[in-house]
Amino acid sequence: MKLTKLSLSVALMSSAASMAYAGSHSTELHFIMCGGEVRAADQAVVDQFVADNEGVTVNLEAVPWGTCQDKSLTLAAAGDPPSIAYMGSRTLRQLANNDLIVPANIAADAPYQPGVLNTVTIEGVTWGYPHAFSTKALYINCDIVEASGQECAAPATWDDMYAMAQGVVDNTDSAGVGLAGKDFDNTMHQFLNYLYSNGGVVIDPATGENMLDSQQTRETLEFYGKLATVAQEGPTAWERDQLKDLFNDGQIAMYVQGPWG
């Protein structure tokens, strides 16, 4: 394992509806906000936009992450897309390939770190506005690890991580690691944490070629299956956000999560 670290971004996307708005002078924009709640900072931006654009209203709809992206894609495919959608940048290629969004046209001198801007760029075209970017980390409950007779030190390799988890299972009542696999979204995110740390990729960013059939993927699948033997009972019953509760309750010794974990 090269450190368990994964960077993700969430993009603001202008859908095909934004073109209709520009042409027909519609006064209402439908804005789907993934996350299930509208934060005060987001509402302040919308309020300022409405104040600056007389006659324009914004229908801001907060939708939980579990259904948000599917709803946005379904509306777009049905010809009734939202004007703007706040969702994961991983959906951009699918939307762009099906002509469901328009380019973001971000200025060359915009203050974005290149790596962040690359998350919304496909073959030289930017398809969304990066809004959030976070790094995944391995959270470790040192009390549990030390209770198992081991030093609480961050594992440097996959073998180190597995050995620590096995030691927890052998010497405590806790599981060694938390895994989430209740649905595709949970399983995908958890698996990609390990695939990326192993140098693997899903899509070649330069060519668009599918790179999932690789030695790195096979190695990751093998290790992921091995981790399941030292994970909590029934990983397919757990969502990613539920792992935090298991961790806080001392039922798992470690898990991978973002800064919100």
Protein backbone atom coordinates (compact mmCIF):
# COMPACT_ATOMS: atom_id res chain seq x y z
CA MET A 1 0.00 0.00 0.00
CA LYS A 2 1.32 3.47 -0.90
CA LEU A 3 -0.75 5.35 1.77
CA THR A 4 -4.49 5.09 1.81
CA LYS A 5 -5.39 8.43 0.35
CA LEU A 6 -8.00 9.50 -2.17
CA SER A 7 -8.93 12.92 -3.46
CA LEU A 8 -12.43 13.69 -4.67
CA SER A 9 -14.22 16.77 -5.91
CA VAL A 10 -17.82 17.85 -6.26
CA ALA A 11 -18.78 20.07 -9.17
CA LEU A 12 -21.43 22.63 -9.92
CA MET A 13 -22.78 21.78 -13.34
CA SER A 14 -24.81 23.84 -15.78
CA SER A 15 -27.29 21.53 -17.46
CA ALA A 16 -28.93 21.83 -20.84
CA ALA A 17 -31.71 23.72 -19.12
CA SER A 18 -29.38 26.65 -18.64
CA MET A 19 -29.30 27.12 -22.40
CA ALA A 20 -33.09 27.19 -22.48
CA TYR A 21 -33.06 29.76 -19.72
CA ALA A 22 -30.72 32.03 -21.66
CA GLY A 23 -32.85 31.84 -24.76
CA SER A 24 -36.34 32.09 -23.30
CA HIS A 25 -35.65 34.55 -20.46
CA SER A 26 -37.20 32.19 -17.93
CA THR A 27 -37.30 33.65 -14.44
CA GLU A 28 -36.89 30.43 -12.45
CA LEU A 29 -33.82 28.24 -12.14
CA HIS A 30 -34.12 24.74 -10.71
CA PHE A 31 -31.04 24.02 -8.60
CA ILE A 32 -30.58 20.49 -7.25
CA MET A 33 -28.25 20.41 -4.24
CA CYS A 34 -26.91 16.98 -3.30
CA GLY A 35 -26.52 16.45 0.42
CA GLY A 36 -30.02 16.66 1.83
CA GLU A 37 -29.66 20.12 3.35
CA VAL A 38 -29.01 23.68 2.29
CA ARG A 39 -26.15 25.15 4.28
CA ALA A 40 -26.23 28.77 5.35
CA ALA A 41 -23.26 29.61 3.14
CA ASP A 42 -24.95 28.08 0.09
CA GLN A 43 -28.19 29.93 0.77
CA ALA A 44 -26.28 33.20 1.11
CA VAL A 45 -24.77 32.73 -2.36
CA VAL A 46 -28.17 32.00 -3.87
CA ASP A 47 -29.75 34.99 -2.12
CA GLN A 48 -27.00 37.26 -3.45
CA PHE A 49 -27.46 35.90 -6.97
CA VAL A 50 -31.19 36.57 -6.84
CA ALA A 51 -30.57 40.07 -5.50
CA ASP A 52 -28.12 40.79 -8.32
CA ASN A 53 -30.43 39.46 -11.05
CA GLU A 54 -33.80 41.16 -10.95
CA GLY A 55 -36.73 38.95 -11.90
CA VAL A 56 -34.82 35.70 -11.42
CA THR A 57 -35.82 33.18 -8.76
CA VAL A 58 -34.02 30.01 -7.72
CA ASN A 59 -35.87 26.85 -6.75
CA LEU A 60 -33.21 25.29 -4.53
CA GLU A 61 -33.99 21.62 -3.88
CA ALA A 62 -31.87 19.68 -1.38
CA VAL A 63 -31.79 15.94 -2.11
CA PRO A 64 -29.94 13.24 -0.07
CA TRP A 65 -26.78 11.89 -1.67
CA GLY A 66 -28.30 8.42 -1.95
CA THR A 67 -30.87 9.56 -4.53
CA CYS A 68 -29.62 12.94 -5.70
CA GLN A 69 -27.47 11.94 -8.64
CA ASP A 70 -30.01 9.42 -9.93
CA LYS A 71 -32.73 12.08 -9.77
CA SER A 72 -30.63 14.62 -11.66
CA LEU A 73 -29.70 12.08 -14.35
CA THR A 74 -33.28 10.86 -14.71
CA LEU A 75 -34.64 14.38 -15.10
CA ALA A 76 -31.96 15.19 -17.66
CA ALA A 77 -32.58 12.03 -19.67
CA ALA A 78 -36.33 12.77 -19.66
CA GLY A 79 -35.76 16.21 -21.15
CA ASP A 80 -36.55 18.14 -17.97
CA PRO A 81 -33.11 18.71 -16.44
CA PRO A 82 -32.36 21.03 -13.55
CA SER A 83 -30.74 24.31 -14.51
CA ILE A 84 -27.84 23.60 -12.14
CA ALA A 85 -26.88 20.47 -10.22
CA TYR A 86 -24.39 20.12 -7.38
CA MET A 87 -23.12 16.55 -7.54
CA GLY A 88 -20.06 14.35 -7.80
CA SER A 89 -17.69 15.13 -10.66
CA ARG A 90 -17.61 11.40 -11.48
CA THR A 91 -20.93 11.91 -13.33
CA LEU A 92 -19.55 14.52 -15.73
CA ARG A 93 -18.33 12.18 -18.47
CA GLN A 94 -21.68 10.39 -18.65
CA LEU A 95 -23.54 13.70 -18.80
CA ALA A 96 -21.19 15.22 -21.36
CA ASN A 97 -21.21 12.15 -23.60
CA ASN A 98 -25.01 12.32 -23.72
CA ASP A 99 -25.17 16.09 -24.37
CA LEU A 100 -26.93 16.70 -21.06
CA ILE A 101 -24.62 19.50 -19.86
CA VAL A 102 -22.81 22.45 -21.38
CA PRO A 103 -19.12 23.35 -20.94
CA ALA A 104 -18.26 25.44 -17.91
CA ASN A 105 -15.94 27.77 -19.85
CA ILE A 106 -13.68 28.46 -16.88
CA ALA A 107 -11.21 31.26 -17.56
CA ALA A 108 -7.58 30.22 -17.97
CA ASP A 109 -6.51 32.51 -15.13
CA ALA A 110 -9.17 31.26 -12.69
CA PRO A 111 -7.59 30.56 -9.27
CA TYR A 112 -7.86 26.76 -9.34
CA GLN A 113 -5.06 24.37 -8.45
CA PRO A 114 -4.42 22.31 -11.63
CA GLY A 115 -5.13 19.00 -9.96
CA VAL A 116 -8.52 20.24 -8.78
CA LEU A 117 -9.46 21.58 -12.20
CA ASN A 118 -8.47 18.27 -13.77
CA THR A 119 -11.31 16.56 -11.88
CA VAL A 120 -13.86 18.38 -14.06
CA THR A 121 -11.85 18.38 -17.29
CA ILE A 122 -12.41 15.79 -20.01
CA GLU A 123 -10.16 15.82 -23.08
CA GLY A 124 -9.37 19.48 -22.62
CA VAL A 125 -12.93 20.68 -21.93
CA THR A 126 -14.12 21.73 -18.46
CA TRP A 127 -17.63 20.51 -17.72
CA GLY A 128 -18.25 21.79 -14.20
CA TYR A 129 -17.10 24.17 -11.49
CA PRO A 130 -15.09 22.51 -8.68
CA HIS A 131 -16.67 23.34 -5.34
CA ALA A 132 -15.30 20.88 -2.79
CA PHE A 133 -12.18 18.75 -2.72
CA SER A 134 -11.21 16.42 0.10
CA THR A 135 -8.64 13.78 0.92
CA LYS A 136 -9.45 10.39 2.39
CA ALA A 137 -7.52 9.12 5.41
CA LEU A 138 -7.27 5.99 7.53
CA TYR A 139 -8.83 6.66 10.93
CA ILE A 140 -7.41 4.48 13.73
CA ASN A 141 -8.77 3.92 17.25
CA CYS A 142 -5.50 3.72 19.17
CA ASP A 143 -7.19 2.47 22.35
CA ILE A 144 -8.38 -0.65 20.55
CA VAL A 145 -5.09 -1.25 18.77
CA GLU A 146 -3.08 -0.89 21.98
CA ALA A 147 -5.54 -3.12 23.83
CA SER A 148 -4.69 -5.81 21.28
CA GLY A 149 -1.03 -5.56 22.30
CA GLN A 150 0.13 -3.60 19.26
CA GLU A 151 1.72 -0.21 18.83
CA CYS A 152 -0.69 2.34 17.39
CA ALA A 153 1.32 3.45 14.35
CA ALA A 154 -0.09 4.18 10.90
CA PRO A 155 0.47 1.15 8.64
CA ALA A 156 2.84 1.84 5.76
CA THR A 157 1.75 -1.08 3.57
CA TRP A 158 -1.32 -3.19 2.93
CA ASP A 159 0.37 -6.06 4.75
CA ASP A 160 0.89 -3.82 7.79
CA MET A 161 -2.75 -2.78 7.72
CA TYR A 162 -3.99 -6.36 7.50
CA ALA A 163 -1.65 -7.51 10.28
CA MET A 164 -2.91 -4.75 12.58
CA ALA A 165 -6.53 -5.62 11.80
CA GLN A 166 -5.88 -9.33 12.37
CA GLY A 167 -4.23 -8.56 15.70
CA VAL A 168 -7.31 -6.63 16.79
CA VAL A 169 -9.60 -9.51 15.81
CA ASP A 170 -7.42 -12.06 17.60
CA ASN A 171 -7.05 -10.14 20.86
CA THR A 172 -10.15 -7.95 21.33
CA ASP A 173 -13.90 -8.06 20.79
CA SER A 174 -13.68 -5.47 18.00
CA ALA A 175 -13.42 -5.93 14.24
CA GLY A 176 -10.15 -4.93 12.66
CA VAL A 177 -11.51 -2.67 9.93
CA GLY A 178 -14.81 -1.21 8.77
CA LEU A 179 -16.02 -1.87 5.21
CA ALA A 180 -19.18 -0.55 3.54
CA GLY A 181 -20.92 -2.41 0.74
CA LYS A 182 -24.66 -1.87 1.11
CA ASP A 183 -25.12 -0.46 -2.38
CA PHE A 184 -23.11 0.37 -5.48
CA ASP A 185 -22.23 3.92 -4.42
CA ASN A 186 -20.86 2.79 -1.05
CA THR A 187 -19.00 -0.18 -2.50
CA MET A 188 -17.49 1.84 -5.34
CA HIS A 189 -16.14 4.59 -3.11
CA GLN A 190 -14.67 2.16 -0.60
CA PHE A 191 -13.03 0.02 -3.27
CA LEU A 192 -11.57 3.02 -5.11
CA ASN A 193 -9.81 4.11 -1.91
CA TYR A 194 -7.67 1.00 -2.20
CA LEU A 195 -7.42 0.91 -5.99
CA TYR A 196 -6.01 4.43 -6.19
CA SER A 197 -3.58 3.75 -3.36
CA ASN A 198 -2.30 0.83 -5.42
CA GLY A 199 -1.63 3.03 -8.44
CA GLY A 200 -4.72 1.91 -10.34
CA VAL A 201 -7.18 4.04 -12.30
CA VAL A 202 -10.64 3.49 -13.79
CA ILE A 203 -10.37 5.78 -16.82
CA ASP A 204 -7.19 7.03 -18.48
CA PRO A 205 -7.63 10.82 -18.20
CA ALA A 206 -5.68 11.44 -21.39
CA THR A 207 -7.37 8.94 -23.70
CA GLY A 208 -10.67 8.09 -22.02
CA GLU A 209 -9.74 4.39 -22.21
CA ASN A 210 -11.22 2.02 -19.64
CA MET A 211 -8.29 0.90 -17.47
CA LEU A 212 -10.20 -1.16 -14.90
CA ASP A 213 -8.97 -4.49 -16.30
CA SER A 214 -5.47 -4.19 -14.85
CA GLN A 215 -3.02 -5.91 -12.54
CA GLN A 216 -3.57 -3.14 -9.99
CA THR A 217 -7.30 -3.85 -9.96
CA ARG A 218 -6.80 -7.58 -9.53
CA GLU A 219 -4.36 -7.01 -6.67
CA THR A 220 -6.82 -4.64 -5.03
CA LEU A 221 -9.71 -7.08 -5.36
CA GLU A 222 -7.62 -9.79 -3.75
CA PHE A 223 -6.65 -7.54 -0.84
CA TYR A 224 -10.20 -6.22 -0.44
CA GLY A 225 -11.48 -9.77 -0.13
CA LYS A 226 -8.78 -10.44 2.46
CA LEU A 227 -9.84 -7.37 4.44
CA ALA A 228 -13.40 -8.68 4.57
CA THR A 229 -12.17 -11.52 6.80
CA VAL A 230 -11.15 -9.02 9.49
CA ALA A 231 -14.03 -6.57 8.98
CA GLN A 232 -17.27 -6.16 10.89
CA GLU A 233 -19.91 -8.83 10.32
CA GLY A 234 -21.83 -8.42 7.07
CA PRO A 235 -20.20 -5.44 5.29
CA THR A 236 -22.98 -5.50 2.68
CA ALA A 237 -25.44 -4.34 5.36
CA TRP A 238 -23.50 -1.15 6.10
CA GLU A 239 -23.37 2.25 4.45
CA ARG A 240 -20.24 4.39 4.49
CA ASP A 241 -21.64 6.97 6.90
CA GLN A 242 -22.62 4.23 9.37
CA LEU A 243 -19.00 3.21 9.80
CA LYS A 244 -18.41 6.34 11.87
CA ASP A 245 -20.89 5.08 14.46
CA LEU A 246 -19.18 1.69 14.59
CA PHE A 247 -15.83 3.44 14.99
CA ASN A 248 -17.07 5.76 17.75
CA ASP A 249 -18.65 2.81 19.57
CA GLY A 250 -15.37 0.89 19.52
CA GLN A 251 -16.71 -1.86 17.28
CA ILE A 252 -14.09 -1.36 14.56
CA ALA A 253 -10.45 -0.39 14.99
CA MET A 254 -10.05 1.58 11.76
CA TYR A 255 -11.80 2.73 8.62
CA VAL A 256 -11.22 5.01 5.64
CA GLN A 257 -13.19 8.24 5.51
CA GLY A 258 -12.97 11.90 4.53
CA PRO A 259 -12.52 14.88 6.87
CA TRP A 260 -16.22 14.68 7.74
CA GLY A 261 -15.68 11.25 9.35
